[in-house]
C-alpha atoms as a PDB file:
ATOM      1  CA  MET A   1       9.734   8.669  13.856  1.00  0.00           C
ATOM      2  CA  LYS A   2      12.472   6.921  15.834  1.00  0.00           C
ATOM      3  CA  ILE A   3      13.018   8.079  19.424  1.00  0.00           C
ATOM      4  CA  GLU A   4      16.214   7.007  21.186  1.00  0.00           C
ATOM      5  CA  ARG A   5      16.905   7.927  24.789  1.00  0.00           C
ATOM      6  CA  ILE A   6      20.678   8.373  25.076  1.00  0.00           C
ATOM      7  CA  ASN A   7      20.674   9.035  28.828  1.00  0.00           C
ATOM      8  CA  ASP A   8      18.546  10.736  31.484  1.00  0.00           C
ATOM      9  CA  ASN A   9      19.132  14.163  29.939  1.00  0.00           C
ATOM     10  CA  THR A  10      19.521  13.519  26.203  1.00  0.00           C
ATOM     11  CA  VAL A  11      17.049  12.278  23.599  1.00  0.00           C
ATOM     12  CA  LYS A  12      17.727  11.705  19.917  1.00  0.00           C
ATOM     13  CA  PHE A  13      15.069  11.685  17.201  1.00  0.00           C
ATOM     14  CA  PHE A  14      15.284  10.547  13.593  1.00  0.00           C
ATOM     15  CA  ILE A  15      12.429  11.487  11.296  1.00  0.00           C
ATOM     16  CA  THR A  16      12.343  10.917   7.539  1.00  0.00           C
ATOM     17  CA  TYR A  17      11.093  13.520   5.096  1.00  0.00           C
ATOM     18  CA  VAL A  18       8.359  11.046   4.136  1.00  0.00           C
ATOM     19  CA  ASP A  19       7.147  11.054   7.751  1.00  0.00           C
ATOM     20  CA  ILE A  20       7.416  14.851   7.917  1.00  0.00           C
ATOM     21  CA  GLU A  21       5.204  15.218   4.842  1.00  0.00           C
ATOM     22  CA  LYS A  22       2.704  12.712   6.252  1.00  0.00           C
ATOM     23  CA  ARG A  23       2.401  15.003   9.273  1.00  0.00           C
ATOM     24  CA  GLY A  24       1.305  17.831   6.988  1.00  0.00           C
ATOM     25  CA  PHE A  25       4.588  19.754   6.709  1.00  0.00           C
ATOM     26  CA  ALA A  26       6.267  20.644   3.431  1.00  0.00           C
ATOM     27  CA  ARG A  27      10.039  20.266   3.464  1.00  0.00           C
ATOM     28  CA  ASP A  28      10.641  23.944   2.607  1.00  0.00           C
ATOM     29  CA  GLU A  29       8.418  25.040   5.506  1.00  0.00           C
ATOM     30  CA  ILE A  30      10.831  23.535   8.011  1.00  0.00           C
ATOM     31  CA  TRP A  31      13.714  25.619   6.710  1.00  0.00           C
ATOM     32  CA  TYR A  32      12.052  28.925   5.825  1.00  0.00           C
ATOM     33  CA  ASN A  33       8.889  29.188   7.951  1.00  0.00           C
ATOM     34  CA  ARG A  34       9.905  29.684  11.578  1.00  0.00           C
ATOM     35  CA  GLU A  35       6.446  29.040  12.984  1.00  0.00           C
ATOM     36  CA  ARG A  36       5.988  25.782  11.044  1.00  0.00           C
ATOM     37  CA  GLY A  37       9.477  24.589  11.984  1.00  0.00           C
ATOM     38  CA  GLU A  38       8.715  25.168  15.655  1.00  0.00           C
ATOM     39  CA  GLN A  39       5.343  23.426  15.288  1.00  0.00           C
ATOM     40  CA  LEU A  40       7.058  20.301  13.983  1.00  0.00           C
ATOM     41  CA  PHE A  41       9.638  20.442  16.779  1.00  0.00           C
ATOM     42  CA  TRP A  42       7.028  20.660  19.534  1.00  0.00           C
ATOM     43  CA  GLN A  43       4.952  17.965  17.869  1.00  0.00           C
ATOM     44  CA  MET A  44       8.002  15.714  18.130  1.00  0.00           C
ATOM     45  CA  MET A  45       8.493  16.703  21.777  1.00  0.00           C
ATOM     46  CA  ASP A  46       4.847  15.918  22.578  1.00  0.00           C
ATOM     47  CA  GLU A  47       5.118  12.533  20.890  1.00  0.00           C
ATOM     48  CA  ALA A  48       8.249  11.732  22.891  1.00  0.00           C
ATOM     49  CA  HIS A  49       6.418  12.668  26.090  1.00  0.00           C
ATOM     50  CA  GLU A  50       3.448  10.444  25.204  1.00  0.00           C
ATOM     51  CA  ARG A  51       5.430   7.448  23.931  1.00  0.00           C
ATOM     52  CA  GLU A  52       8.422   7.482  26.278  1.00  0.00           C
ATOM     53  CA  ASP A  53       7.152   9.573  29.224  1.00  0.00           C
ATOM     54  CA  ILE A  54       9.992  12.059  28.705  1.00  0.00           C
ATOM     55  CA  SER A  55       9.629  15.458  30.362  1.00  0.00           C
ATOM     56  CA  PHE A  56      11.305  18.439  28.697  1.00  0.00           C
ATOM     57  CA  ASP A  57      11.196  20.788  31.674  1.00  0.00           C
ATOM     58  CA  GLY A  58      14.165  23.115  31.967  1.00  0.00           C
ATOM     59  CA  PRO A  59      16.658  24.709  29.590  1.00  0.00           C
ATOM     60  CA  LEU A  60      17.175  22.805  26.334  1.00  0.00           C
ATOM     61  CA  TRP A  61      20.186  22.418  24.067  1.00  0.00           C
ATOM     62  CA  ILE A  62      19.124  21.547  20.529  1.00  0.00           C
ATOM     63  CA  GLN A  63      21.110  20.189  17.593  1.00  0.00           C
ATOM     64  CA  VAL A  64      19.559  19.465  14.194  1.00  0.00           C
ATOM     65  CA  GLN A  65      21.481  17.508  11.577  1.00  0.00           C
ATOM     66  CA  ALA A  66      20.248  17.070   8.010  1.00  0.00           C
ATOM     67  CA  PHE A  67      20.658  13.832   6.111  1.00  0.00           C
ATOM     68  CA  GLU A  68      19.657  12.936   2.582  1.00  0.00           C
ATOM     69  CA  LYS A  69      16.511  11.152   3.740  1.00  0.00           C
ATOM     70  CA  GLY A  70      15.572  12.982   6.918  1.00  0.00           C
ATOM     71  CA  LEU A  71      16.549  14.859  10.072  1.00  0.00           C
ATOM     72  CA  GLU A  72      18.322  13.844  13.244  1.00  0.00           C
ATOM     73  CA  VAL A  73      17.395  16.035  16.220  1.00  0.00           C
ATOM     74  CA  THR A  74      19.303  15.803  19.501  1.00  0.00           C
ATOM     75  CA  VAL A  75      17.757  17.462  22.555  1.00  0.00           C
ATOM     76  CA  THR A  76      19.629  17.763  25.855  1.00  0.00           C
ATOM     77  CA  ILE A  77      17.852  18.916  28.996  1.00  0.00           C
ATOM     78  CA  ALA A  78      20.266  21.034  31.046  1.00  0.00           C
ATOM     79  CA  LYS A  79      20.339  20.308  34.760  1.00  0.00           C
ATOM     80  CA  ASN A  80      21.364  22.404  37.757  1.00  0.00           C
ATOM     81  CA  VAL A  81      20.709  25.660  35.925  1.00  0.00           C
ATOM     82  CA  ILE A  82      19.029  28.399  37.935  1.00  0.00           C
ATOM     83  CA  ASP A  83      17.884  30.674  35.124  1.00  0.00           C
ATOM     84  CA  SER A  84      15.899  28.838  32.473  1.00  0.00           C
ATOM     85  CA  GLU A  85      15.324  30.182  28.986  1.00  0.00           C
ATOM     86  CA  ASP A  86      12.105  31.983  28.250  1.00  0.00           C
ATOM     87  CA  ASP A  87      10.103  31.167  25.127  1.00  0.00           C
ATOM     88  CA  SER A  88      11.905  33.765  23.016  1.00  0.00           C
ATOM     89  CA  GLU A  89      15.354  32.435  23.964  1.00  0.00           C
ATOM     90  CA  LEU A  90      14.280  28.853  23.315  1.00  0.00           C
ATOM     91  CA  GLY A  91      12.836  29.899  19.972  1.00  0.00           C
ATOM     92  CA  SER A  92      16.146  31.552  19.117  1.00  0.00           C
ATOM     93  CA  LEU A  93      18.068  28.376  19.961  1.00  0.00           C
ATOM     94  CA  LEU A  94      15.701  26.300  17.855  1.00  0.00           C
ATOM     95  CA  ARG A  95      15.904  28.759  14.976  1.00  0.00           C
ATOM     96  CA  SER A  96      19.709  28.675  15.104  1.00  0.00           C
ATOM     97  CA  ALA A  97      19.726  24.868  15.049  1.00  0.00           C
ATOM     98  CA  ILE A  98      17.291  24.776  12.130  1.00  0.00           C
ATOM     99  CA  ASP A  99      19.294  27.382  10.194  1.00  0.00           C
ATOM    100  CA  GLU A 100      22.460  25.330  10.597  1.00  0.00           C
ATOM    101  CA  ALA A 101      20.681  22.181   9.431  1.00  0.00           C
ATOM    102  CA  ARG A 102      19.190  24.105   6.500  1.00  0.00           C
ATOM    103  CA  ASP A 103      22.696  24.991   5.341  1.00  0.00           C
ATOM    104  CA  GLN A 104      23.611  21.310   5.517  1.00  0.00           C
ATOM    105  CA  GLN A 105      20.485  20.407   3.565  1.00  0.00           C
ATOM    106  CA  SER A 106      21.255  23.047   0.936  1.00  0.00           C
ATOM    107  CA  VAL A 107      24.586  21.363   0.230  1.00  0.00           C
ATOM    108  CA  LEU A 108      22.928  17.950   0.115  1.00  0.00           C
ATOM    109  CA  ASP A 109      20.269  19.251  -2.270  1.00  0.00           C
ATOM    110  CA  GLN A 110      22.878  20.714  -4.607  1.00  0.00           C
ATOM    111  CA  LEU A 111      24.785  17.435  -4.680  1.00  0.00           C
ATOM    112  CA  SER A 112      21.541  15.558  -5.200  1.00  0.00           C
ATOM    113  CA  GLU A 113      20.558  17.789  -8.109  1.00  0.00           C
ATOM    114  CA  LEU A 114      23.854  17.027  -9.838  1.00  0.00           C
ATOM    115  CA  ASP A 115      23.186  13.314  -9.476  1.00  0.00           C
ATOM    116  CA  GLU A 116      19.527  13.394 -10.464  1.00  0.00           C
ATOM    117  CA  ILE A 117      19.481  15.629 -13.562  1.00  0.00           C
ATOM    118  CA  GLU A 118      17.408  13.798 -16.159  1.00  0.00           C
ATOM    119  CA  ALA A 119      17.659  10.622 -14.088  1.00  0.00           C
ATOM    120  CA  GLU A 120      15.036   8.325 -12.659  1.00  0.00           C
ATOM    121  CA  PRO A 121      14.843   7.948  -8.861  1.00  0.00           C
ATOM    122  CA  GLU A 122      17.529   5.535  -7.748  1.00  0.00           C
ATOM    123  CA  ALA A 123      16.927   2.458  -5.661  1.00  0.00           C
ATOM    124  CA  TRP A 124      18.501   2.154  -2.224  1.00  0.00           C
ATOM    125  CA  ALA A 125      21.699   0.162  -1.945  1.00  0.00           C
ATOM    126  CA  PRO A 126      21.754  -2.558   0.737  1.00  0.00           C
ATOM    127  CA  LEU A 127      22.142  -1.030   4.198  1.00  0.00           C
ATOM    128  CA  ALA A 128      22.057  -1.744   7.918  1.00  0.00           C
ATOM    129  CA  MET A 129      19.873  -0.328  10.678  1.00  0.00           C
ATOM    130  CA  GLU A 130      20.394  -0.926  14.380  1.00  0.00           C
ATOM    131  CA  THR A 131      18.992  -0.828  17.903  1.00  0.00           C
ATOM    132  CA  ASP A 132      20.175  -1.821  21.370  1.00  0.00           C
ATOM    133  CA  ASP A 133      16.694  -2.967  22.392  1.00  0.00           C
ATOM    134  CA  PHE A 134      15.261  -6.225  21.049  1.00  0.00           C
ATOM    135  CA  GLU A 135      11.802  -5.024  22.076  1.00  0.00           C
ATOM    136  CA  ALA A 136      12.060  -2.575  19.165  1.00  0.00           C
ATOM    137  CA  ILE A 137      12.430  -5.540  16.797  1.00  0.00           C
ATOM    138  CA  ILE A 138       9.413  -7.247  18.351  1.00  0.00           C
ATOM    139  CA  SER A 139       7.295  -4.089  18.114  1.00  0.00           C
ATOM    140  CA  LEU A 140       8.392  -3.554  14.524  1.00  0.00           C
ATOM    141  CA  SER A 141       7.470  -7.133  13.597  1.00  0.00           C
ATOM    142  CA  LYS A 142       3.868  -6.447  14.622  1.00  0.00           C
ATOM    143  CA  ARG A 143       3.638  -3.634  12.058  1.00  0.00           C
ATOM    144  CA  ALA A 144       5.602  -5.295   9.262  1.00  0.00           C
ATOM    145  CA  GLY A 145       3.320  -5.610   6.249  1.00  0.00           C
ATOM    146  CA  GLU A 146       3.430  -7.379   2.909  1.00  0.00           C
ATOM    147  CA  ALA A 147       5.971  -4.938   1.475  1.00  0.00           C
ATOM    148  CA  LEU A 148       8.590  -6.260   3.893  1.00  0.00           C
ATOM    149  CA  ASN A 149       7.887  -9.843   2.838  1.00  0.00           C
ATOM    150  CA  ASN A 150       9.657  -9.102  -0.438  1.00  0.00           C
ATOM    151  CA  VAL A 151      12.754  -7.578   1.176  1.00  0.00           C
ATOM    152  CA  ASN A 152      15.841  -9.699   1.835  1.00  0.00           C
ATOM    153  CA  LEU A 153      16.556  -9.349   5.555  1.00  0.00           C
ATOM    154  CA  LYS A 154      19.172 -10.638   7.976  1.00  0.00           C
ATOM    155  CA  LEU A 155      19.162  -9.990  11.734  1.00  0.00           C
ATOM    156  CA  PHE A 156      22.541  -9.961  13.492  1.00  0.00           C
ATOM    157  CA  HIS A 157      23.708  -9.496  17.087  1.00  0.00           C
ATOM    158  CA  TYR A 158      27.039  -7.761  17.646  1.00  0.00           C
ATOM    159  CA  GLU A 159      28.472  -6.033  20.722  1.00  0.00           C
ATOM    160  CA  ASN A 160      25.125  -5.817  22.566  1.00  0.00           C
ATOM    161  CA  ARG A 161      23.327  -4.313  19.573  1.00  0.00           C
ATOM    162  CA  TYR A 162      20.952  -5.752  16.975  1.00  0.00           C
ATOM    163  CA  TYR A 163      21.571  -5.052  13.299  1.00  0.00           C
ATOM    164  CA  LEU A 164      19.000  -5.514  10.550  1.00  0.00           C
ATOM    165  CA  TRP A 165      20.593  -5.911   7.125  1.00  0.00           C
ATOM    166  CA  ILE A 166      18.210  -4.732   4.395  1.00  0.00           C
ATOM    167  CA  ASP A 167      18.551  -5.637   0.712  1.00  0.00           C
ATOM    168  CA  PHE A 168      15.692  -4.442  -1.494  1.00  0.00           C
ATOM    169  CA  PRO A 169      14.772  -6.574  -4.536  1.00  0.00           C
ATOM    170  CA  ASP A 170      15.456  -5.080  -7.972  1.00  0.00           C
ATOM    171  CA  GLU A 171      11.765  -5.015  -8.871  1.00  0.00           C
ATOM    172  CA  MET A 172      10.750  -2.836  -5.899  1.00  0.00           C
ATOM    173  CA  GLU A 173       9.977   0.776  -6.775  1.00  0.00           C
ATOM    174  CA  PRO A 174      12.010   3.525  -5.031  1.00  0.00           C
ATOM    175  CA  GLU A 175       8.810   4.938  -3.530  1.00  0.00           C
ATOM    176  CA  GLU A 176       8.032   1.563  -1.948  1.00  0.00           C
ATOM    177  CA  GLU A 177      11.549   1.449  -0.544  1.00  0.00           C
ATOM    178  CA  GLU A 178      11.057   4.919   0.962  1.00  0.00           C
ATOM    179  CA  ASN A 179       7.850   3.773   2.662  1.00  0.00           C
ATOM    180  CA  VAL A 180       9.570   0.709   4.094  1.00  0.00           C
ATOM    181  CA  LEU A 181      12.482   2.779   5.426  1.00  0.00           C
ATOM    182  CA  SER A 182      10.075   5.302   6.916  1.00  0.00           C
ATOM    183  CA  LEU A 183       8.499   2.502   8.964  1.00  0.00           C
ATOM    184  CA  LEU A 184      11.841   0.994   9.960  1.00  0.00           C
ATOM    185  CA  ALA A 185      13.150   4.407  11.054  1.00  0.00           C
ATOM    186  CA  GLU A 186      10.409   4.607  13.689  1.00  0.00           C
ATOM    187  CA  TYR A 187      12.139   1.782  15.562  1.00  0.00           C
ATOM    188  CA  LEU A 188      15.736   1.621  14.277  1.00  0.00           C
ATOM    189  CA  THR A 189      18.555   4.027  13.473  1.00  0.00           C
ATOM    190  CA  PHE A 190      20.706   3.986  10.356  1.00  0.00           C
ATOM    191  CA  SER A 191      24.054   2.240  10.780  1.00  0.00           C
ATOM    192  CA  THR A 192      27.409   2.374   9.009  1.00  0.00           C
ATOM    193  CA  GLN A 193      28.147  -1.313   9.613  1.00  0.00           C
ATOM    194  CA  THR A 194      28.806  -3.443   6.523  1.00  0.00           C
ATOM    195  CA  LEU A 195      27.492  -6.903   5.747  1.00  0.00           C
ATOM    196  CA  ALA A 196      31.042  -8.272   5.604  1.00  0.00           C
ATOM    197  CA  MET A 197      31.768  -7.016   9.133  1.00  0.00           C
ATOM    198  CA  LEU A 198      28.489  -8.367  10.522  1.00  0.00           C
ATOM    199  CA  GLU A 199      28.996 -11.769   8.913  1.00  0.00           C
ATOM    200  CA  GLU A 200      32.603 -11.924  10.119  1.00  0.00           C
ATOM    201  CA  TYR A 201      32.197 -10.721  13.713  1.00  0.00           C
ATOM    202  CA  GLY A 202      28.467 -10.714  14.441  1.00  0.00           C
ATOM    203  CA  LYS A 203      26.081 -13.581  15.158  1.00  0.00           C
ATOM    204  CA  LEU A 204      23.339 -14.248  12.608  1.00  0.00           C
ATOM    205  CA  ILE A 205      20.092 -14.641  14.555  1.00  0.00           C
ATOM    206  CA  LEU A 206      17.481 -14.802  11.792  1.00  0.00           C
ATOM    207  CA  ASP A 207      17.567 -14.889   8.015  1.00  0.00           C
ATOM    208  CA  GLY A 208      14.929 -14.555   5.300  1.00  0.00           C
ATOM    209  CA  ASP A 209      11.428 -13.761   6.582  1.00  0.00           C
ATOM    210  CA  VAL A 210      12.786 -12.169   9.752  1.00  0.00           C
ATOM    211  CA  PHE A 211       9.642 -10.516  11.076  1.00  0.00           C
ATOM    212  CA  SER A 212       7.381 -13.549  10.603  1.00  0.00           C
ATOM    213  CA  LYS A 213       9.897 -15.577  12.590  1.00  0.00           C
ATOM    214  CA  VAL A 214      10.042 -12.928  15.314  1.00  0.00           C
ATOM    215  CA  ARG A 215       6.239 -12.957  15.569  1.00  0.00           C
ATOM    216  CA  HIS A 216       6.290 -16.767  15.731  1.00  0.00           C
ATOM    217  CA  TYR A 217       8.853 -17.007  18.524  1.00  0.00           C
ATOM    218  CA  PHE A 218       8.011 -13.872  20.496  1.00  0.00           C
END
């Protein structure tokens, strides 16, 4: 799970469905079982508190957005509010956010079903992931295993952010690609930047075996 602190009051999470299932939650439970959905949410909050020392005291504003491969959860801690929500009100806010994301996921699932009828799982197209903290790249390099040795990687710097360009080899199975992206998503967020833009305007820092080089130099 990737945790990104936007400011003092707002935290953004990205968690893949692969990670959700590894935590013991079925995808349908999140949408249709209120108790299980709330359990996952508070598990994420506890992890943020342990890893980033973030306190979630006070009224919360919650937004859940569904993507094809996972969920993005934005939590804002309201300040200068006298009356804080009780557990039932907070549960209602969470339920509303989950319901809205479920509707998004329903549309994504329907589109996915049209694409996947009688088709094999498709490989990921080349993509970029990003972070504004180079320490995330260093931490990620310490967990990068053999699977990442076979992935074509380029690390760019552009406008005070670091972009990892990821190009999976043709022989890699889609499930392996999912596992790699699940690991990367714990440290990086998905980006819309293209390789052409990064090569034109960004600075190439490392190419090839990126994480071995990061471990060597840092």
